[in-house]
């Protein structure tokens, strides 16, 4: 992968909150149409990195580029940057006093100066795409968590961004609603959308990602294909994290539904179980 040809480039980024250094010398290049999953323990810097890319957080040093435009340059137009980089949050962040249609059309109308007619037409297409064509006039509190998250993704797509950042978008959802959000992310991947996703869903990261980056203490410790990271990680910290995470998940599954001894010979049974649940 050539950094100069990448859609997104993150170079030597440092981010601190007072004396707490949360990102340390982060380098990452993301190609167009690529999906990168960020994994790691809570507090490792995944969400902070996404927020820095979207300029919701200022960095102390380093540079971030989108299509060779430096996003971290002085006097950059942050509103214009956010039209090209969509972000979806764990907590949805929909406007509660606006309908689904209004949530989706607000930015195209007021920021991109799209006509109301065009904005509504494109929003209707997005609602069909996310499987909620009959919810245009509902308010967010009338929707399930999974439906709200799909609307949040549609709102991000309405600006036709080059890149979408997904910050733990499934972590607050219950098992009955998580599937619709995952299916939508699969559809976005298949359509060629470039995405960076912070997630604790290891089975989903293995399925959806072109590359997986493991972060620890604000650093990218290891990055590689899903099979490398989950099956044969090179770094000890990566091995410890993957082993602990999968063992914990398998223990929870064992409590819920004990695995018969006859299944003990399955290849990589921990990941198989996780993928079935997700």
C-alpha atoms as a PDB file:
ATOM      1  CA  UNK A   1       0.000   0.000   0.000  1.00  0.00           C
ATOM      2  CA  UNK A   2       1.439   3.347  -1.007  1.00  0.00           C
ATOM      3  CA  UNK A   3       0.847   6.106   1.564  1.00  0.00           C
ATOM      4  CA  UNK A   4       0.878   8.777  -1.129  1.00  0.00           C
ATOM      5  CA  UNK A   5      -2.044   7.113  -2.922  1.00  0.00           C
ATOM      6  CA  UNK A   6      -4.125   6.574   0.218  1.00  0.00           C
ATOM      7  CA  UNK A   7      -7.415   8.338   0.805  1.00  0.00           C
ATOM      8  CA  UNK A   8      -6.582   8.998   4.464  1.00  0.00           C
ATOM      9  CA  UNK A   9      -3.131   9.452   5.967  1.00  0.00           C
ATOM     10  CA  UNK A  10      -2.400   9.833   9.655  1.00  0.00           C
ATOM     11  CA  UNK A  11       1.213  10.775  10.346  1.00  0.00           C
ATOM     12  CA  UNK A  12       2.961  10.810  13.743  1.00  0.00           C
ATOM     13  CA  UNK A  13      -0.146  11.936  15.615  1.00  0.00           C
ATOM     14  CA  UNK A  14       0.051  12.722  19.320  1.00  0.00           C
ATOM     15  CA  UNK A  15      -2.970  13.656  21.443  1.00  0.00           C
ATOM     16  CA  UNK A  16      -3.025  14.468  25.157  1.00  0.00           C
ATOM     17  CA  UNK A  17      -5.547  15.611  27.741  1.00  0.00           C
ATOM     18  CA  UNK A  18      -3.407  17.671  30.090  1.00  0.00           C
ATOM     19  CA  UNK A  19      -0.705  15.223  31.232  1.00  0.00           C
ATOM     20  CA  UNK A  20      -2.532  12.149  29.927  1.00  0.00           C
ATOM     21  CA  UNK A  21      -1.079  11.092  26.579  1.00  0.00           C
ATOM     22  CA  UNK A  22      -3.856   9.165  24.798  1.00  0.00           C
ATOM     23  CA  UNK A  23      -2.377   8.873  21.268  1.00  0.00           C
ATOM     24  CA  UNK A  24       1.335   8.318  20.748  1.00  0.00           C
ATOM     25  CA  UNK A  25       3.034   8.539  17.356  1.00  0.00           C
ATOM     26  CA  UNK A  26       0.083   7.043  15.464  1.00  0.00           C
ATOM     27  CA  UNK A  27       0.728   6.328  11.772  1.00  0.00           C
ATOM     28  CA  UNK A  28      -1.987   4.876   9.558  1.00  0.00           C
ATOM     29  CA  UNK A  29      -2.839   4.969   5.847  1.00  0.00           C
ATOM     30  CA  UNK A  30      -6.275   3.966   4.567  1.00  0.00           C
ATOM     31  CA  UNK A  31      -6.934   3.296   0.887  1.00  0.00           C
ATOM     32  CA  UNK A  32     -10.174   4.191  -0.875  1.00  0.00           C
ATOM     33  CA  UNK A  33     -12.797   1.423  -0.468  1.00  0.00           C
ATOM     34  CA  UNK A  34     -10.851  -0.116   2.417  1.00  0.00           C
ATOM     35  CA  UNK A  35     -12.359  -1.060   5.796  1.00  0.00           C
ATOM     36  CA  UNK A  36     -10.107  -0.703   8.848  1.00  0.00           C
ATOM     37  CA  UNK A  37     -11.246  -1.994  12.235  1.00  0.00           C
ATOM     38  CA  UNK A  38      -9.663  -0.587  15.391  1.00  0.00           C
ATOM     39  CA  UNK A  39      -9.623  -2.980  18.328  1.00  0.00           C
ATOM     40  CA  UNK A  40      -8.220  -2.791  21.835  1.00  0.00           C
ATOM     41  CA  UNK A  41      -9.201  -2.401  25.452  1.00  0.00           C
ATOM     42  CA  UNK A  42     -11.468   0.444  26.538  1.00  0.00           C
ATOM     43  CA  UNK A  43      -9.365   3.596  26.891  1.00  0.00           C
ATOM     44  CA  UNK A  44      -6.706   2.507  24.394  1.00  0.00           C
ATOM     45  CA  UNK A  45      -7.387   5.481  22.070  1.00  0.00           C
ATOM     46  CA  UNK A  46      -9.719   4.036  19.413  1.00  0.00           C
ATOM     47  CA  UNK A  47     -12.505   6.588  19.794  1.00  0.00           C
ATOM     48  CA  UNK A  48     -10.074   9.451  20.311  1.00  0.00           C
ATOM     49  CA  UNK A  49      -8.348   8.606  17.039  1.00  0.00           C
ATOM     50  CA  UNK A  50     -11.656   8.726  15.160  1.00  0.00           C
ATOM     51  CA  UNK A  51     -12.549  12.040  16.782  1.00  0.00           C
ATOM     52  CA  UNK A  52      -9.172  13.491  15.783  1.00  0.00           C
ATOM     53  CA  UNK A  53      -9.719  12.443  12.158  1.00  0.00           C
ATOM     54  CA  UNK A  54     -13.094  14.225  12.179  1.00  0.00           C
ATOM     55  CA  UNK A  55     -11.520  17.281  13.886  1.00  0.00           C
ATOM     56  CA  UNK A  56     -13.718  16.929  16.944  1.00  0.00           C
ATOM     57  CA  UNK A  57     -10.464  16.829  18.917  1.00  0.00           C
ATOM     58  CA  UNK A  58      -7.303  18.837  18.314  1.00  0.00           C
ATOM     59  CA  UNK A  59      -3.977  17.028  18.180  1.00  0.00           C
ATOM     60  CA  UNK A  60      -0.761  18.182  19.848  1.00  0.00           C
ATOM     61  CA  UNK A  61       1.472  17.201  16.945  1.00  0.00           C
ATOM     62  CA  UNK A  62       1.441  15.255  13.704  1.00  0.00           C
ATOM     63  CA  UNK A  63      -0.637  15.642  10.546  1.00  0.00           C
ATOM     64  CA  UNK A  64      -3.803  14.151   9.048  1.00  0.00           C
ATOM     65  CA  UNK A  65      -4.559  14.210   5.314  1.00  0.00           C
ATOM     66  CA  UNK A  66      -7.661  13.393   3.284  1.00  0.00           C
ATOM     67  CA  UNK A  67      -7.002  13.146  -0.466  1.00  0.00           C
ATOM     68  CA  UNK A  68      -3.698  14.992   0.096  1.00  0.00           C
ATOM     69  CA  UNK A  69      -5.479  17.923   1.779  1.00  0.00           C
ATOM     70  CA  UNK A  70      -4.070  18.507   5.255  1.00  0.00           C
ATOM     71  CA  UNK A  71      -6.977  18.497   7.671  1.00  0.00           C
ATOM     72  CA  UNK A  72      -4.787  19.641  10.552  1.00  0.00           C
ATOM     73  CA  UNK A  73      -3.461  22.718   8.752  1.00  0.00           C
ATOM     74  CA  UNK A  74      -4.120  26.095  10.411  1.00  0.00           C
ATOM     75  CA  UNK A  75      -7.421  27.742   9.478  1.00  0.00           C
ATOM     76  CA  UNK A  76      -8.814  24.615   7.816  1.00  0.00           C
ATOM     77  CA  UNK A  77     -12.579  24.791   7.220  1.00  0.00           C
ATOM     78  CA  UNK A  78     -13.797  22.181   9.714  1.00  0.00           C
ATOM     79  CA  UNK A  79     -17.379  22.254   8.485  1.00  0.00           C
ATOM     80  CA  UNK A  80     -16.216  21.443   4.965  1.00  0.00           C
ATOM     81  CA  UNK A  81     -14.038  18.614   6.274  1.00  0.00           C
ATOM     82  CA  UNK A  82     -17.037  17.102   8.068  1.00  0.00           C
ATOM     83  CA  UNK A  83     -18.981  17.056   4.823  1.00  0.00           C
ATOM     84  CA  UNK A  84     -16.356  14.667   3.465  1.00  0.00           C
ATOM     85  CA  UNK A  85     -15.955  12.587   6.626  1.00  0.00           C
ATOM     86  CA  UNK A  86     -19.143  11.211   8.138  1.00  0.00           C
ATOM     87  CA  UNK A  87     -19.142  10.039  11.748  1.00  0.00           C
ATOM     88  CA  UNK A  88     -21.583   7.762  13.550  1.00  0.00           C
ATOM     89  CA  UNK A  89     -21.508   7.652  17.335  1.00  0.00           C
ATOM     90  CA  UNK A  90     -22.289   4.967  19.890  1.00  0.00           C
ATOM     91  CA  UNK A  91     -25.086   7.116  21.353  1.00  0.00           C
ATOM     92  CA  UNK A  92     -26.721   7.897  17.956  1.00  0.00           C
ATOM     93  CA  UNK A  93     -26.764  11.711  18.568  1.00  0.00           C
ATOM     94  CA  UNK A  94     -30.001  12.189  16.650  1.00  0.00           C
ATOM     95  CA  UNK A  95     -31.935  15.407  17.253  1.00  0.00           C
ATOM     96  CA  UNK A  96     -34.818  14.247  19.492  1.00  0.00           C
ATOM     97  CA  UNK A  97     -37.134  17.116  18.454  1.00  0.00           C
ATOM     98  CA  UNK A  98     -36.709  16.372  14.738  1.00  0.00           C
ATOM     99  CA  UNK A  99     -38.316  13.602  12.720  1.00  0.00           C
ATOM    100  CA  UNK A 100     -36.279  10.933  10.988  1.00  0.00           C
ATOM    101  CA  UNK A 101     -36.699  12.805   7.686  1.00  0.00           C
ATOM    102  CA  UNK A 102     -35.601  16.081   9.261  1.00  0.00           C
ATOM    103  CA  UNK A 103     -32.571  14.463  10.886  1.00  0.00           C
ATOM    104  CA  UNK A 104     -31.419  13.123   7.520  1.00  0.00           C
ATOM    105  CA  UNK A 105     -32.157  16.213   5.402  1.00  0.00           C
ATOM    106  CA  UNK A 106     -30.977  18.943   7.773  1.00  0.00           C
ATOM    107  CA  UNK A 107     -27.297  18.955   6.809  1.00  0.00           C
ATOM    108  CA  UNK A 108     -27.794  18.643   3.027  1.00  0.00           C
ATOM    109  CA  UNK A 109     -30.296  21.535   3.083  1.00  0.00           C
ATOM    110  CA  UNK A 110     -28.516  23.901   5.462  1.00  0.00           C
ATOM    111  CA  UNK A 111     -24.860  23.009   4.887  1.00  0.00           C
ATOM    112  CA  UNK A 112     -24.676  21.867   1.272  1.00  0.00           C
ATOM    113  CA  UNK A 113     -27.584  24.109   0.135  1.00  0.00           C
ATOM    114  CA  UNK A 114     -29.367  21.216  -1.561  1.00  0.00           C
ATOM    115  CA  UNK A 115     -33.005  21.939  -2.422  1.00  0.00           C
ATOM    116  CA  UNK A 116     -35.582  20.543  -0.002  1.00  0.00           C
ATOM    117  CA  UNK A 117     -37.115  18.474  -2.786  1.00  0.00           C
ATOM    118  CA  UNK A 118     -33.805  16.865  -3.707  1.00  0.00           C
ATOM    119  CA  UNK A 119     -32.858  16.342  -0.062  1.00  0.00           C
ATOM    120  CA  UNK A 120     -36.170  14.597   0.662  1.00  0.00           C
ATOM    121  CA  UNK A 121     -35.894  12.427  -2.431  1.00  0.00           C
ATOM    122  CA  UNK A 122     -32.393  11.323  -1.512  1.00  0.00           C
ATOM    123  CA  UNK A 123     -33.459  10.774   2.119  1.00  0.00           C
ATOM    124  CA  UNK A 124     -36.293   8.525   0.949  1.00  0.00           C
ATOM    125  CA  UNK A 125     -33.781   6.505  -1.052  1.00  0.00           C
ATOM    126  CA  UNK A 126     -31.593   6.202   2.045  1.00  0.00           C
ATOM    127  CA  UNK A 127     -34.542   5.112   4.180  1.00  0.00           C
ATOM    128  CA  UNK A 128     -35.267   2.379   1.658  1.00  0.00           C
ATOM    129  CA  UNK A 129     -31.609   1.406   1.723  1.00  0.00           C
ATOM    130  CA  UNK A 130     -31.562   1.055   5.526  1.00  0.00           C
ATOM    131  CA  UNK A 131     -34.882  -0.778   5.615  1.00  0.00           C
ATOM    132  CA  UNK A 132     -36.963   1.952   7.271  1.00  0.00           C
ATOM    133  CA  UNK A 133     -39.062   3.432   4.437  1.00  0.00           C
ATOM    134  CA  UNK A 134     -42.133   3.812   6.655  1.00  0.00           C
ATOM    135  CA  UNK A 135     -40.428   5.665   9.527  1.00  0.00           C
ATOM    136  CA  UNK A 136     -39.754   9.036   7.856  1.00  0.00           C
ATOM    137  CA  UNK A 137     -42.178  10.965  10.068  1.00  0.00           C
ATOM    138  CA  UNK A 138     -41.364   9.229  13.334  1.00  0.00           C
ATOM    139  CA  UNK A 139     -39.354  10.857  16.120  1.00  0.00           C
ATOM    140  CA  UNK A 140     -36.228   9.092  17.415  1.00  0.00           C
ATOM    141  CA  UNK A 141     -37.801   8.074  20.721  1.00  0.00           C
ATOM    142  CA  UNK A 142     -40.350   6.012  18.795  1.00  0.00           C
ATOM    143  CA  UNK A 143     -37.588   3.867  17.286  1.00  0.00           C
ATOM    144  CA  UNK A 144     -35.579   0.998  18.721  1.00  0.00           C
ATOM    145  CA  UNK A 145     -31.876   1.486  19.383  1.00  0.00           C
ATOM    146  CA  UNK A 146     -30.962  -0.423  16.238  1.00  0.00           C
ATOM    147  CA  UNK A 147     -33.356   1.642  14.135  1.00  0.00           C
ATOM    148  CA  UNK A 148     -31.943   4.873  15.583  1.00  0.00           C
ATOM    149  CA  UNK A 149     -28.427   3.730  14.738  1.00  0.00           C
ATOM    150  CA  UNK A 150     -29.439   2.939  11.155  1.00  0.00           C
ATOM    151  CA  UNK A 151     -30.946   6.443  10.882  1.00  0.00           C
ATOM    152  CA  UNK A 152     -27.683   7.877  12.230  1.00  0.00           C
ATOM    153  CA  UNK A 153     -25.780   6.020   9.505  1.00  0.00           C
ATOM    154  CA  UNK A 154     -28.239   7.303   6.885  1.00  0.00           C
ATOM    155  CA  UNK A 155     -27.708  10.849   8.167  1.00  0.00           C
ATOM    156  CA  UNK A 156     -23.953  10.432   7.713  1.00  0.00           C
ATOM    157  CA  UNK A 157     -24.461   9.026   4.200  1.00  0.00           C
ATOM    158  CA  UNK A 158     -26.718  11.935   3.217  1.00  0.00           C
ATOM    159  CA  UNK A 159     -23.689  14.198   2.786  1.00  0.00           C
ATOM    160  CA  UNK A 160     -22.093  11.685   0.385  1.00  0.00           C
ATOM    161  CA  UNK A 161     -18.846  11.487   2.365  1.00  0.00           C
ATOM    162  CA  UNK A 162     -15.596   9.995   1.112  1.00  0.00           C
ATOM    163  CA  UNK A 163     -15.009   8.289   4.455  1.00  0.00           C
ATOM    164  CA  UNK A 164     -17.245   7.121   7.317  1.00  0.00           C
ATOM    165  CA  UNK A 165     -16.039   6.735  10.898  1.00  0.00           C
ATOM    166  CA  UNK A 166     -18.001   4.288  13.077  1.00  0.00           C
ATOM    167  CA  UNK A 167     -17.422   4.609  16.823  1.00  0.00           C
ATOM    168  CA  UNK A 168     -18.616   1.504  18.695  1.00  0.00           C
ATOM    169  CA  UNK A 169     -21.910   1.708  16.816  1.00  0.00           C
ATOM    170  CA  UNK A 170     -23.148  -1.688  18.033  1.00  0.00           C
ATOM    171  CA  UNK A 171     -21.981  -1.611  21.656  1.00  0.00           C
ATOM    172  CA  UNK A 172     -25.144  -0.084  23.142  1.00  0.00           C
ATOM    173  CA  UNK A 173     -27.563  -2.277  21.169  1.00  0.00           C
ATOM    174  CA  UNK A 174     -29.363  -5.370  22.419  1.00  0.00           C
ATOM    175  CA  UNK A 175     -29.018  -8.705  20.586  1.00  0.00           C
ATOM    176  CA  UNK A 176     -32.388  -8.294  18.862  1.00  0.00           C
ATOM    177  CA  UNK A 177     -31.450  -5.004  17.148  1.00  0.00           C
ATOM    178  CA  UNK A 178     -27.742  -5.399  16.512  1.00  0.00           C
ATOM    179  CA  UNK A 179     -28.218  -7.563  13.417  1.00  0.00           C
ATOM    180  CA  UNK A 180     -29.829  -4.843  11.303  1.00  0.00           C
ATOM    181  CA  UNK A 181     -26.951  -2.442  11.959  1.00  0.00           C
ATOM    182  CA  UNK A 182     -24.352  -5.092  11.133  1.00  0.00           C
ATOM    183  CA  UNK A 183     -26.159  -5.953   7.909  1.00  0.00           C
ATOM    184  CA  UNK A 184     -26.169  -2.289   6.895  1.00  0.00           C
ATOM    185  CA  UNK A 185     -22.426  -2.029   7.533  1.00  0.00           C
ATOM    186  CA  UNK A 186     -21.912  -5.144   5.410  1.00  0.00           C
ATOM    187  CA  UNK A 187     -23.915  -3.518   2.622  1.00  0.00           C
ATOM    188  CA  UNK A 188     -21.795  -0.348   2.863  1.00  0.00           C
ATOM    189  CA  UNK A 189     -18.631  -2.417   2.637  1.00  0.00           C
ATOM    190  CA  UNK A 190     -19.917  -4.279  -0.400  1.00  0.00           C
ATOM    191  CA  UNK A 191     -20.807  -0.968  -2.066  1.00  0.00           C
ATOM    192  CA  UNK A 192     -17.203   0.240  -1.685  1.00  0.00           C
ATOM    193  CA  UNK A 193     -17.572   2.738   1.167  1.00  0.00           C
ATOM    194  CA  UNK A 194     -14.288   3.537   2.914  1.00  0.00           C
ATOM    195  CA  UNK A 195     -14.706   3.007   6.659  1.00  0.00           C
ATOM    196  CA  UNK A 196     -12.777   3.140   9.909  1.00  0.00           C
ATOM    197  CA  UNK A 197     -14.597   1.358  12.718  1.00  0.00           C
ATOM    198  CA  UNK A 198     -13.775   1.123  16.413  1.00  0.00           C
ATOM    199  CA  UNK A 199     -15.347  -2.046  17.751  1.00  0.00           C
ATOM    200  CA  UNK A 200     -15.363  -4.667  20.500  1.00  0.00           C
ATOM    201  CA  UNK A 201     -17.128  -7.140  18.198  1.00  0.00           C
ATOM    202  CA  UNK A 202     -14.198  -9.387  17.313  1.00  0.00           C
ATOM    203  CA  UNK A 203     -16.149 -11.768  15.094  1.00  0.00           C
ATOM    204  CA  UNK A 204     -17.607  -8.877  13.119  1.00  0.00           C
ATOM    205  CA  UNK A 205     -14.183  -7.224  12.788  1.00  0.00           C
ATOM    206  CA  UNK A 206     -12.794 -10.468  11.427  1.00  0.00           C
ATOM    207  CA  UNK A 207     -15.610 -10.656   8.878  1.00  0.00           C
ATOM    208  CA  UNK A 208     -15.841  -7.042   7.749  1.00  0.00           C
ATOM    209  CA  UNK A 209     -12.290  -5.659   7.842  1.00  0.00           C
ATOM    210  CA  UNK A 210      -9.642  -5.590   5.166  1.00  0.00           C
ATOM    211  CA  UNK A 211      -7.155  -4.823   7.934  1.00  0.00           C
ATOM    212  CA  UNK A 212      -7.356  -4.781  11.723  1.00  0.00           C
ATOM    213  CA  UNK A 213      -5.309  -2.432  13.909  1.00  0.00           C
ATOM    214  CA  UNK A 214      -4.718  -3.327  17.547  1.00  0.00           C
ATOM    215  CA  UNK A 215      -4.203  -0.295  19.799  1.00  0.00           C
ATOM    216  CA  UNK A 216      -2.748  -0.331  23.289  1.00  0.00           C
ATOM    217  CA  UNK A 217      -1.924   2.703  25.446  1.00  0.00           C
ATOM    218  CA  UNK A 218      -2.463   5.050  22.530  1.00  0.00           C
ATOM    219  CA  UNK A 219      -0.194   3.242  20.081  1.00  0.00           C
ATOM    220  CA  UNK A 220      -0.897   1.010  17.100  1.00  0.00           C
ATOM    221  CA  UNK A 221       0.898  -2.106  18.316  1.00  0.00           C
ATOM    222  CA  UNK A 222       0.116  -4.262  15.299  1.00  0.00           C
ATOM    223  CA  UNK A 223      -1.844  -3.984  12.064  1.00  0.00           C
ATOM    224  CA  UNK A 224      -2.551  -6.678   9.538  1.00  0.00           C
ATOM    225  CA  UNK A 225      -5.166  -8.843   7.902  1.00  0.00           C
ATOM    226  CA  UNK A 226      -7.882 -10.279  10.152  1.00  0.00           C
ATOM    227  CA  UNK A 227      -6.334 -13.740   9.876  1.00  0.00           C
ATOM    228  CA  UNK A 228      -2.954 -12.391  10.997  1.00  0.00           C
ATOM    229  CA  UNK A 229      -4.317 -10.467  13.967  1.00  0.00           C
ATOM    230  CA  UNK A 230      -6.757 -13.117  15.207  1.00  0.00           C
ATOM    231  CA  UNK A 231      -4.973 -16.339  14.224  1.00  0.00           C
ATOM    232  CA  UNK A 232      -1.250 -15.562  14.336  1.00  0.00           C
ATOM    233  CA  UNK A 233      -0.478 -12.157  15.878  1.00  0.00           C
ATOM    234  CA  UNK A 234       3.175 -11.245  15.976  1.00  0.00           C
ATOM    235  CA  UNK A 235       3.214  -9.042  19.077  1.00  0.00           C
ATOM    236  CA  UNK A 236       2.840 -10.399  22.599  1.00  0.00           C
ATOM    237  CA  UNK A 237       0.397  -7.651  23.617  1.00  0.00           C
ATOM    238  CA  UNK A 238      -1.809  -8.503  20.629  1.00  0.00           C
ATOM    239  CA  UNK A 239      -1.734 -12.200  21.521  1.00  0.00           C
ATOM    240  CA  UNK A 240      -2.677 -11.429  25.131  1.00  0.00           C
ATOM    241  CA  UNK A 241      -5.578  -9.189  24.095  1.00  0.00           C
ATOM    242  CA  UNK A 242      -7.011 -11.610  21.529  1.00  0.00           C
ATOM    243  CA  UNK A 243      -6.642 -14.589  23.859  1.00  0.00           C
ATOM    244  CA  UNK A 244      -8.260 -12.793  26.792  1.00  0.00           C
ATOM    245  CA  UNK A 245     -11.100 -11.349  24.716  1.00  0.00           C
ATOM    246  CA  UNK A 246     -12.009 -14.612  23.034  1.00  0.00           C
ATOM    247  CA  UNK A 247     -11.666 -16.619  26.245  1.00  0.00           C
ATOM    248  CA  UNK A 248     -13.976 -14.222  28.068  1.00  0.00           C
ATOM    249  CA  UNK A 249     -16.532 -14.369  25.269  1.00  0.00           C
ATOM    250  CA  UNK A 250     -16.347 -18.154  25.145  1.00  0.00           C
ATOM    251  CA  UNK A 251     -16.850 -18.375  28.919  1.00  0.00           C
ATOM    252  CA  UNK A 252     -19.978 -16.247  28.635  1.00  0.00           C
ATOM    253  CA  UNK A 253     -21.255 -18.492  25.848  1.00  0.00           C
ATOM    254  CA  UNK A 254     -20.471 -21.605  27.904  1.00  0.00           C
ATOM    255  CA  UNK A 255     -22.521 -20.269  30.815  1.00  0.00           C
ATOM    256  CA  UNK A 256     -25.439 -19.470  28.521  1.00  0.00           C
ATOM    257  CA  UNK A 257     -25.277 -22.718  26.541  1.00  0.00           C
ATOM    258  CA  UNK A 258     -22.631 -25.338  27.459  1.00  0.00           C
ATOM    259  CA  UNK A 259     -20.730 -26.695  24.482  1.00  0.00           C
ATOM    260  CA  UNK A 260     -20.918 -30.500  24.105  1.00  0.00           C
ATOM    261  CA  UNK A 261     -17.582 -32.261  24.477  1.00  0.00           C
ATOM    262  CA  UNK A 262     -18.073 -33.772  21.018  1.00  0.00           C
ATOM    263  CA  UNK A 263     -17.531 -30.335  19.491  1.00  0.00           C
ATOM    264  CA  UNK A 264     -14.107 -29.930  21.024  1.00  0.00           C
ATOM    265  CA  UNK A 265     -12.337 -30.723  17.776  1.00  0.00           C
ATOM    266  CA  UNK A 266     -13.673 -27.755  15.817  1.00  0.00           C
ATOM    267  CA  UNK A 267     -11.081 -25.531  14.179  1.00  0.00           C
ATOM    268  CA  UNK A 268     -10.745 -22.270  16.149  1.00  0.00           C
ATOM    269  CA  UNK A 269     -13.956 -22.936  18.167  1.00  0.00           C
ATOM    270  CA  UNK A 270     -13.853 -19.596  19.986  1.00  0.00           C
ATOM    271  CA  UNK A 271     -14.133 -17.554  16.818  1.00  0.00           C
ATOM    272  CA  UNK A 272     -16.697 -19.960  15.399  1.00  0.00           C
ATOM    273  CA  UNK A 273     -18.890 -19.447  18.438  1.00  0.00           C
ATOM    274  CA  UNK A 274     -18.487 -15.679  18.329  1.00  0.00           C
ATOM    275  CA  UNK A 275     -19.370 -15.507  14.651  1.00  0.00           C
ATOM    276  CA  UNK A 276     -22.514 -17.585  15.202  1.00  0.00           C
ATOM    277  CA  UNK A 277     -23.683 -15.281  17.997  1.00  0.00           C
ATOM    278  CA  UNK A 278     -23.039 -12.126  15.986  1.00  0.00           C
END
